[in-house]
Full PDB file with SEQRES, HELIX, SHEET, SSBOND, CRYST1, ORIGX, SCALE, CONECT and MASTER records, all heavy atoms in Angstrom:
SEQRES   1 A   33  GLY MET ILE GLN ILE ILE VAL ALA LYS LEU PHE PRO GLN          
SEQRES   2 A   33  GLN ILE SER VAL ARG MET LEU MET ILE GLN VAL ALA LEU          
SEQRES   3 A   33  PHE SER LEU GLY LEU SER ALA                                  
HELIX    1 AA1 MET A    2  LEU A   10  1                                   9    
HELIX    2 AA2 VAL A   17  SER A   32  1                                  16    
CRYST1    1.000    1.000    1.000  90.00  90.00  90.00 P 1           1          
ORIGX1      1.000000  0.000000  0.000000        0.00000                         
ORIGX2      0.000000  1.000000  0.000000        0.00000                         
ORIGX3      0.000000  0.000000  1.000000        0.00000                         
SCALE1      1.000000  0.000000  0.000000        0.00000                         
SCALE2      0.000000  1.000000  0.000000        0.00000                         
SCALE3      0.000000  0.000000  1.000000        0.00000                         
ATOM      1  N   GLY A   1      20.937  57.732 104.713  1.00  0.00           N  
ATOM      2  CA  GLY A   1      22.296  57.492 105.132  1.00  0.00           C  
ATOM      3  C   GLY A   1      23.138  56.614 104.218  1.00  0.00           C  
ATOM      4  O   GLY A   1      24.229  56.217 104.549  1.00  0.00           O  
ATOM      5  N   MET A   2      22.621  56.357 103.020  1.00  0.00           N  
ATOM      6  CA  MET A   2      23.326  55.499 102.081  1.00  0.00           C  
ATOM      7  C   MET A   2      24.629  56.111 101.546  1.00  0.00           C  
ATOM      8  O   MET A   2      25.635  55.418 101.358  1.00  0.00           O  
ATOM      9  CB  MET A   2      22.409  55.104 100.903  1.00  0.00           C  
ATOM     10  CG  MET A   2      21.187  54.264 101.305  1.00  0.00           C  
ATOM     11  SD  MET A   2      21.689  52.676 102.062  1.00  0.00           S  
ATOM     12  CE  MET A   2      22.415  51.871 100.710  1.00  0.00           C  
ATOM     13  N   ILE A   3      24.586  57.426 101.312  1.00  0.00           N  
ATOM     14  CA  ILE A   3      25.783  58.091 100.830  1.00  0.00           C  
ATOM     15  C   ILE A   3      26.896  58.043 101.894  1.00  0.00           C  
ATOM     16  O   ILE A   3      28.076  57.801 101.591  1.00  0.00           O  
ATOM     17  CB  ILE A   3      25.476  59.584 100.454  1.00  0.00           C  
ATOM     18  CG1 ILE A   3      24.593  59.605  99.207  1.00  0.00           C  
ATOM     19  CG2 ILE A   3      26.753  60.356 100.212  1.00  0.00           C  
ATOM     20  CD1 ILE A   3      24.162  60.984  98.763  1.00  0.00           C  
ATOM     21  N   GLN A   4      26.473  58.277 103.118  1.00  0.00           N  
ATOM     22  CA  GLN A   4      27.458  58.211 104.232  1.00  0.00           C  
ATOM     23  C   GLN A   4      28.050  56.795 104.372  1.00  0.00           C  
ATOM     24  O   GLN A   4      29.208  56.638 104.666  1.00  0.00           O  
ATOM     25  CB  GLN A   4      26.783  58.571 105.557  1.00  0.00           C  
ATOM     26  CG  GLN A   4      26.377  60.058 105.645  1.00  0.00           C  
ATOM     27  CD  GLN A   4      25.091  60.391 104.964  1.00  0.00           C  
ATOM     28  OE1 GLN A   4      24.496  59.582 104.271  1.00  0.00           O  
ATOM     29  NE2 GLN A   4      24.641  61.625 105.139  1.00  0.00           N  
ATOM     30  N   ILE A   5      27.241  55.761 104.107  1.00  0.00           N  
ATOM     31  CA  ILE A   5      27.734  54.396 104.221  1.00  0.00           C  
ATOM     32  C   ILE A   5      28.724  54.091 103.139  1.00  0.00           C  
ATOM     33  O   ILE A   5      29.759  53.484 103.369  1.00  0.00           O  
ATOM     34  CB  ILE A   5      26.539  53.398 104.126  1.00  0.00           C  
ATOM     35  CG1 ILE A   5      25.675  53.532 105.411  1.00  0.00           C  
ATOM     36  CG2 ILE A   5      27.044  51.966 103.964  1.00  0.00           C  
ATOM     37  CD1 ILE A   5      24.386  52.741 105.364  1.00  0.00           C  
ATOM     38  N   ILE A   6      28.419  54.574 101.884  1.00  0.00           N  
ATOM     39  CA  ILE A   6      29.358  54.424 100.766  1.00  0.00           C  
ATOM     40  C   ILE A   6      30.719  55.111 101.083  1.00  0.00           C  
ATOM     41  O   ILE A   6      31.757  54.532 100.797  1.00  0.00           O  
ATOM     42  CB  ILE A   6      28.715  55.001  99.459  1.00  0.00           C  
ATOM     43  CG1 ILE A   6      27.528  54.138  99.067  1.00  0.00           C  
ATOM     44  CG2 ILE A   6      29.753  54.991  98.346  1.00  0.00           C  
ATOM     45  CD1 ILE A   6      26.714  54.697  97.964  1.00  0.00           C  
ATOM     46  N   VAL A   7      30.618  56.339 101.605  1.00  0.00           N  
ATOM     47  CA  VAL A   7      31.815  57.071 101.964  1.00  0.00           C  
ATOM     48  C   VAL A   7      32.630  56.332 103.013  1.00  0.00           C  
ATOM     49  O   VAL A   7      33.857  56.288 102.931  1.00  0.00           O  
ATOM     50  CB  VAL A   7      31.491  58.501 102.426  1.00  0.00           C  
ATOM     51  CG1 VAL A   7      32.734  59.198 102.999  1.00  0.00           C  
ATOM     52  CG2 VAL A   7      30.883  59.308 101.297  1.00  0.00           C  
ATOM     53  N   ALA A   8      31.905  55.754 103.987  1.00  0.00           N  
ATOM     54  CA  ALA A   8      32.611  55.004 105.058  1.00  0.00           C  
ATOM     55  C   ALA A   8      33.390  53.811 104.461  1.00  0.00           C  
ATOM     56  O   ALA A   8      34.424  53.424 104.995  1.00  0.00           O  
ATOM     57  CB  ALA A   8      31.585  54.553 106.072  1.00  0.00           C  
ATOM     58  N   LYS A   9      32.818  53.262 103.374  1.00  0.00           N  
ATOM     59  CA  LYS A   9      33.511  52.120 102.734  1.00  0.00           C  
ATOM     60  C   LYS A   9      34.749  52.594 101.936  1.00  0.00           C  
ATOM     61  O   LYS A   9      35.741  51.837 101.868  1.00  0.00           O  
ATOM     62  CB  LYS A   9      32.566  51.363 101.801  1.00  0.00           C  
ATOM     63  CG  LYS A   9      31.274  50.808 102.484  1.00  0.00           C  
ATOM     64  CD  LYS A   9      31.656  49.650 103.407  1.00  0.00           C  
ATOM     65  CE  LYS A   9      30.392  49.024 103.944  1.00  0.00           C  
ATOM     66  NZ  LYS A   9      30.711  47.911 104.895  1.00  0.00           N  
ATOM     67  N   LEU A  10      34.660  53.742 101.334  1.00  0.00           N  
ATOM     68  CA  LEU A  10      35.712  54.249 100.465  1.00  0.00           C  
ATOM     69  C   LEU A  10      36.800  54.996 101.194  1.00  0.00           C  
ATOM     70  O   LEU A  10      37.983  54.931 100.848  1.00  0.00           O  
ATOM     71  CB  LEU A  10      35.119  55.149  99.351  1.00  0.00           C  
ATOM     72  CG  LEU A  10      34.215  54.486  98.350  1.00  0.00           C  
ATOM     73  CD1 LEU A  10      33.624  55.528  97.392  1.00  0.00           C  
ATOM     74  CD2 LEU A  10      34.921  53.433  97.583  1.00  0.00           C  
ATOM     75  N   PHE A  11      36.402  55.752 102.256  1.00  0.00           N  
ATOM     76  CA  PHE A  11      37.300  56.606 102.951  1.00  0.00           C  
ATOM     77  C   PHE A  11      37.513  56.081 104.381  1.00  0.00           C  
ATOM     78  O   PHE A  11      36.586  55.590 104.989  1.00  0.00           O  
ATOM     79  CB  PHE A  11      36.844  58.049 103.019  1.00  0.00           C  
ATOM     80  CG  PHE A  11      36.749  58.712 101.677  1.00  0.00           C  
ATOM     81  CD1 PHE A  11      35.681  58.509 100.806  1.00  0.00           C  
ATOM     82  CD2 PHE A  11      37.788  59.562 101.227  1.00  0.00           C  
ATOM     83  CE1 PHE A  11      35.617  59.128  99.612  1.00  0.00           C  
ATOM     84  CE2 PHE A  11      37.727  60.180  99.999  1.00  0.00           C  
ATOM     85  CZ  PHE A  11      36.660  59.994  99.188  1.00  0.00           C  
ATOM     86  N   PRO A  12      38.734  56.200 104.925  1.00  0.00           N  
ATOM     87  CA  PRO A  12      38.947  55.798 106.287  1.00  0.00           C  
ATOM     88  C   PRO A  12      38.249  56.665 107.289  1.00  0.00           C  
ATOM     89  O   PRO A  12      37.854  57.789 106.987  1.00  0.00           O  
ATOM     90  CB  PRO A  12      40.490  55.894 106.443  1.00  0.00           C  
ATOM     91  CG  PRO A  12      40.914  56.860 105.406  1.00  0.00           C  
ATOM     92  CD  PRO A  12      39.952  56.680 104.276  1.00  0.00           C  
ATOM     93  N   GLN A  13      38.069  56.188 108.531  1.00  0.00           N  
ATOM     94  CA  GLN A  13      37.351  56.902 109.556  1.00  0.00           C  
ATOM     95  C   GLN A  13      38.100  58.209 109.920  1.00  0.00           C  
ATOM     96  O   GLN A  13      37.459  59.230 110.190  1.00  0.00           O  
ATOM     97  CB  GLN A  13      37.220  56.052 110.801  1.00  0.00           C  
ATOM     98  CG  GLN A  13      36.372  56.653 111.909  1.00  0.00           C  
ATOM     99  CD  GLN A  13      34.878  56.587 111.583  1.00  0.00           C  
ATOM    100  OE1 GLN A  13      34.462  55.832 110.741  1.00  0.00           O  
ATOM    101  NE2 GLN A  13      34.086  57.419 112.257  1.00  0.00           N  
ATOM    102  N   GLN A  14      39.403  58.129 109.902  1.00  0.00           N  
ATOM    103  CA  GLN A  14      40.206  59.339 110.187  1.00  0.00           C  
ATOM    104  C   GLN A  14      41.257  59.472 109.074  1.00  0.00           C  
ATOM    105  O   GLN A  14      41.911  58.522 108.683  1.00  0.00           O  
ATOM    106  CB  GLN A  14      40.923  59.189 111.537  1.00  0.00           C  
ATOM    107  CG  GLN A  14      41.500  60.519 112.031  1.00  0.00           C  
ATOM    108  CD  GLN A  14      41.999  60.406 113.488  1.00  0.00           C  
ATOM    109  OE1 GLN A  14      42.658  59.419 113.825  1.00  0.00           O  
ATOM    110  NE2 GLN A  14      41.621  61.353 114.317  1.00  0.00           N  
ATOM    111  N   ILE A  15      41.344  60.717 108.545  1.00  0.00           N  
ATOM    112  CA  ILE A  15      42.220  60.923 107.404  1.00  0.00           C  
ATOM    113  C   ILE A  15      42.821  62.332 107.475  1.00  0.00           C  
ATOM    114  O   ILE A  15      42.145  63.229 107.989  1.00  0.00           O  
ATOM    115  CB  ILE A  15      41.459  60.708 106.079  1.00  0.00           C  
ATOM    116  CG1 ILE A  15      42.363  60.818 104.871  1.00  0.00           C  
ATOM    117  CG2 ILE A  15      40.340  61.714 105.975  1.00  0.00           C  
ATOM    118  CD1 ILE A  15      41.676  60.459 103.573  1.00  0.00           C  
ATOM    119  N   SER A  16      44.004  62.514 106.971  1.00  0.00           N  
ATOM    120  CA  SER A  16      44.627  63.853 106.962  1.00  0.00           C  
ATOM    121  C   SER A  16      43.886  64.704 105.980  1.00  0.00           C  
ATOM    122  O   SER A  16      43.352  64.231 104.953  1.00  0.00           O  
ATOM    123  CB  SER A  16      46.099  63.727 106.597  1.00  0.00           C  
ATOM    124  OG  SER A  16      46.253  63.366 105.225  1.00  0.00           O  
ATOM    125  N   VAL A  17      43.873  66.023 106.235  1.00  0.00           N  
ATOM    126  CA  VAL A  17      43.159  66.948 105.352  1.00  0.00           C  
ATOM    127  C   VAL A  17      43.728  66.887 103.953  1.00  0.00           C  
ATOM    128  O   VAL A  17      43.009  66.932 102.943  1.00  0.00           O  
ATOM    129  CB  VAL A  17      43.278  68.376 105.904  1.00  0.00           C  
ATOM    130  CG1 VAL A  17      42.660  69.362 104.925  1.00  0.00           C  
ATOM    131  CG2 VAL A  17      42.529  68.449 107.242  1.00  0.00           C  
ATOM    132  N   ARG A  18      45.061  66.819 103.841  1.00  0.00           N  
ATOM    133  CA  ARG A  18      45.702  66.798 102.534  1.00  0.00           C  
ATOM    134  C   ARG A  18      45.300  65.569 101.710  1.00  0.00           C  
ATOM    135  O   ARG A  18      45.007  65.645 100.535  1.00  0.00           O  
ATOM    136  CB  ARG A  18      47.248  66.841 102.684  1.00  0.00           C  
ATOM    137  CG  ARG A  18      47.732  68.184 103.243  1.00  0.00           C  
ATOM    138  CD  ARG A  18      49.244  68.206 103.390  1.00  0.00           C  
ATOM    139  NE  ARG A  18      49.682  69.517 103.845  1.00  0.00           N  
ATOM    140  CZ  ARG A  18      50.947  69.831 104.127  1.00  0.00           C  
ATOM    141  NH1 ARG A  18      51.862  68.885 103.934  1.00  0.00           N  
ATOM    142  NH2 ARG A  18      51.281  71.039 104.496  1.00  0.00           N  
ATOM    143  N   MET A  19      45.334  64.396 102.372  1.00  0.00           N  
ATOM    144  CA  MET A  19      44.929  63.159 101.679  1.00  0.00           C  
ATOM    145  C   MET A  19      43.454  63.190 101.338  1.00  0.00           C  
ATOM    146  O   MET A  19      43.068  62.699 100.234  1.00  0.00           O  
ATOM    147  CB  MET A  19      45.271  61.978 102.548  1.00  0.00           C  
ATOM    148  CG  MET A  19      45.081  60.618 101.827  1.00  0.00           C  
ATOM    149  SD  MET A  19      46.008  60.490 100.262  1.00  0.00           S  
ATOM    150  CE  MET A  19      47.675  60.551 100.871  1.00  0.00           C  
ATOM    151  N   LEU A  20      42.637  63.785 102.194  1.00  0.00           N  
ATOM    152  CA  LEU A  20      41.193  63.878 101.941  1.00  0.00           C  
ATOM    153  C   LEU A  20      40.958  64.683 100.658  1.00  0.00           C  
ATOM    154  O   LEU A  20      40.127  64.301  99.809  1.00  0.00           O  
ATOM    155  CB  LEU A  20      40.491  64.496 103.115  1.00  0.00           C  
ATOM    156  CG  LEU A  20      38.969  64.703 102.934  1.00  0.00           C  
ATOM    157  CD1 LEU A  20      38.250  63.344 102.797  1.00  0.00           C  
ATOM    158  CD2 LEU A  20      38.386  65.481 104.073  1.00  0.00           C  
ATOM    159  N   MET A  21      41.661  65.785 100.521  1.00  0.00           N  
ATOM    160  CA  MET A  21      41.502  66.669  99.336  1.00  0.00           C  
ATOM    161  C   MET A  21      41.811  65.899  98.064  1.00  0.00           C  
ATOM    162  O   MET A  21      41.087  65.984  97.067  1.00  0.00           O  
ATOM    163  CB  MET A  21      42.365  67.925  99.467  1.00  0.00           C  
ATOM    164  CG  MET A  21      41.785  68.957 100.381  1.00  0.00           C  
ATOM    165  SD  MET A  21      42.679  70.522 100.298  1.00  0.00           S  
ATOM    166  CE  MET A  21      41.660  71.526 101.349  1.00  0.00           C  
ATOM    167  N   ILE A  22      42.916  65.206  98.068  1.00  0.00           N  
ATOM    168  CA  ILE A  22      43.352  64.477  96.899  1.00  0.00           C  
ATOM    169  C   ILE A  22      42.331  63.333  96.543  1.00  0.00           C  
ATOM    170  O   ILE A  22      41.963  63.153  95.369  1.00  0.00           O  
ATOM    171  CB  ILE A  22      44.775  63.924  97.022  1.00  0.00           C  
ATOM    172  CG1 ILE A  22      45.766  65.060  97.134  1.00  0.00           C  
ATOM    173  CG2 ILE A  22      45.105  62.953  95.885  1.00  0.00           C  
ATOM    174  CD1 ILE A  22      47.186  64.617  97.405  1.00  0.00           C  
ATOM    175  N   GLN A  23      41.903  62.622  97.552  1.00  0.00           N  
ATOM    176  CA  GLN A  23      40.961  61.509  97.365  1.00  0.00           C  
ATOM    177  C   GLN A  23      39.604  62.049  96.850  1.00  0.00           C  
ATOM    178  O   GLN A  23      39.035  61.431  95.924  1.00  0.00           O  
ATOM    179  CB  GLN A  23      40.802  60.708  98.642  1.00  0.00           C  
ATOM    180  CG  GLN A  23      42.020  59.826  98.946  1.00  0.00           C  
ATOM    181  CD  GLN A  23      41.715  58.810 100.029  1.00  0.00           C  
ATOM    182  OE1 GLN A  23      40.582  58.522 100.348  1.00  0.00           O  
ATOM    183  NE2 GLN A  23      42.772  58.195 100.571  1.00  0.00           N  
ATOM    184  N   VAL A  24      39.079  63.105  97.454  1.00  0.00           N  
ATOM    185  CA  VAL A  24      37.795  63.681  97.022  1.00  0.00           C  
ATOM    186  C   VAL A  24      37.927  64.173  95.584  1.00  0.00           C  
ATOM    187  O   VAL A  24      37.001  63.992  94.786  1.00  0.00           O  
ATOM    188  CB  VAL A  24      37.364  64.798  97.997  1.00  0.00           C  
ATOM    189  CG1 VAL A  24      36.187  65.557  97.406  1.00  0.00           C  
ATOM    190  CG2 VAL A  24      36.966  64.218  99.337  1.00  0.00           C  
ATOM    191  N   ALA A  25      39.055  64.835  95.287  1.00  0.00           N  
ATOM    192  CA  ALA A  25      39.239  65.351  93.948  1.00  0.00           C  
ATOM    193  C   ALA A  25      39.241  64.235  92.885  1.00  0.00           C  
ATOM    194  O   ALA A  25      38.592  64.351  91.859  1.00  0.00           O  
ATOM    195  CB  ALA A  25      40.568  66.127  93.869  1.00  0.00           C  
ATOM    196  N   LEU A  26      39.962  63.125  93.169  1.00  0.00           N  
ATOM    197  CA  LEU A  26      40.000  62.036  92.249  1.00  0.00           C  
ATOM    198  C   LEU A  26      38.651  61.318  92.148  1.00  0.00           C  
ATOM    199  O   LEU A  26      38.222  60.856  91.069  1.00  0.00           O  
ATOM    200  CB  LEU A  26      41.075  61.056  92.673  1.00  0.00           C  
ATOM    201  CG  LEU A  26      42.524  61.575  92.516  1.00  0.00           C  
ATOM    202  CD1 LEU A  26      43.520  60.550  93.042  1.00  0.00           C  
ATOM    203  CD2 LEU A  26      42.874  61.874  91.063  1.00  0.00           C  
ATOM    204  N   PHE A  27      37.926  61.227  93.307  1.00  0.00           N  
ATOM    205  CA  PHE A  27      36.606  60.609  93.290  1.00  0.00           C  
ATOM    206  C   PHE A  27      35.650  61.425  92.411  1.00  0.00           C  
ATOM    207  O   PHE A  27      34.951  60.865  91.604  1.00  0.00           O  
ATOM    208  CB  PHE A  27      36.087  60.567  94.728  1.00  0.00           C  
ATOM    209  CG  PHE A  27      34.652  60.091  94.818  1.00  0.00           C  
ATOM    210  CD1 PHE A  27      34.366  58.734  94.850  1.00  0.00           C  
ATOM    211  CD2 PHE A  27      33.589  60.984  94.907  1.00  0.00           C  
ATOM    212  CE1 PHE A  27      33.054  58.258  94.944  1.00  0.00           C  
ATOM    213  CE2 PHE A  27      32.301  60.530  94.991  1.00  0.00           C  
ATOM    214  CZ  PHE A  27      32.052  59.131  95.062  1.00  0.00           C  
ATOM    215  N   SER A  28      35.667  62.739  92.572  1.00  0.00           N  
ATOM    216  CA  SER A  28      34.804  63.616  91.757  1.00  0.00           C  
ATOM    217  C   SER A  28      35.175  63.532  90.287  1.00  0.00           C  
ATOM    218  O   SER A  28      34.323  63.523  89.398  1.00  0.00           O  
ATOM    219  CB  SER A  28      34.886  65.050  92.260  1.00  0.00           C  
ATOM    220  OG  SER A  28      34.555  65.160  93.621  1.00  0.00           O  
ATOM    221  N   LEU A  29      36.500  63.497  90.007  1.00  0.00           N  
ATOM    222  CA  LEU A  29      36.982  63.414  88.636  1.00  0.00           C  
ATOM    223  C   LEU A  29      36.497  62.161  87.939  1.00  0.00           C  
ATOM    224  O   LEU A  29      35.984  62.195  86.834  1.00  0.00           O  
ATOM    225  CB  LEU A  29      38.507  63.488  88.645  1.00  0.00           C  
ATOM    226  CG  LEU A  29      39.225  63.414  87.263  1.00  0.00           C  
ATOM    227  CD1 LEU A  29      39.169  64.737  86.579  1.00  0.00           C  
ATOM    228  CD2 LEU A  29      40.665  62.987  87.439  1.00  0.00           C  
ATOM    229  N   GLY A  30      36.648  61.018  88.634  1.00  0.00           N  
ATOM    230  CA  GLY A  30      36.215  59.741  88.065  1.00  0.00           C  
ATOM    231  C   GLY A  30      34.702  59.639  87.884  1.00  0.00           C  
ATOM    232  O   GLY A  30      34.217  59.155  86.910  1.00  0.00           O  
ATOM    233  N   LEU A  31      33.978  60.101  88.915  1.00  0.00           N  
ATOM    234  CA  LEU A  31      32.508  60.014  88.899  1.00  0.00           C  
ATOM    235  C   LEU A  31      31.914  60.853  87.758  1.00  0.00           C  
ATOM    236  O   LEU A  31      31.022  60.405  87.060  1.00  0.00           O  
ATOM    237  CB  LEU A  31      31.944  60.458  90.225  1.00  0.00           C  
ATOM    238  CG  LEU A  31      30.409  60.267  90.414  1.00  0.00           C  
ATOM    239  CD1 LEU A  31      30.039  58.814  90.321  1.00  0.00           C  
ATOM    240  CD2 LEU A  31      29.972  60.906  91.736  1.00  0.00           C  
ATOM    241  N   SER A  32      32.464  62.048  87.536  1.00  0.00           N  
ATOM    242  CA  SER A  32      31.949  62.935  86.513  1.00  0.00           C  
ATOM    243  C   SER A  32      32.237  62.471  85.089  1.00  0.00           C  
ATOM    244  O   SER A  32      31.610  62.914  84.153  1.00  0.00           O  
ATOM    245  CB  SER A  32      32.473  64.343  86.693  1.00  0.00           C  
ATOM    246  OG  SER A  32      33.855  64.414  86.530  1.00  0.00           O  
ATOM    247  N   ALA A  33      33.216  61.573  84.944  1.00  0.00           N  
ATOM    248  CA  ALA A  33      33.539  61.016  83.649  1.00  0.00           C  
ATOM    249  C   ALA A  33      32.500  60.013  83.199  1.00  0.00           C  
ATOM    250  O   ALA A  33      32.297  59.845  81.988  1.00  0.00           O  
ATOM    251  CB  ALA A  33      34.942  60.400  83.652  1.00  0.00           C  
TER     252      ALA A  33                                                      
MASTER        0    0    0    2    0    0    0    6  251    1    0    3          
END                                                                             
């Protein structure tokens, strides 16, 4: 459950689908760099 805990710290408990897409995209972009 460590990945879920990290996500809980970075992302709010409830989020709009549009904002989730942008945040996940930027997270993946930064991590892969």
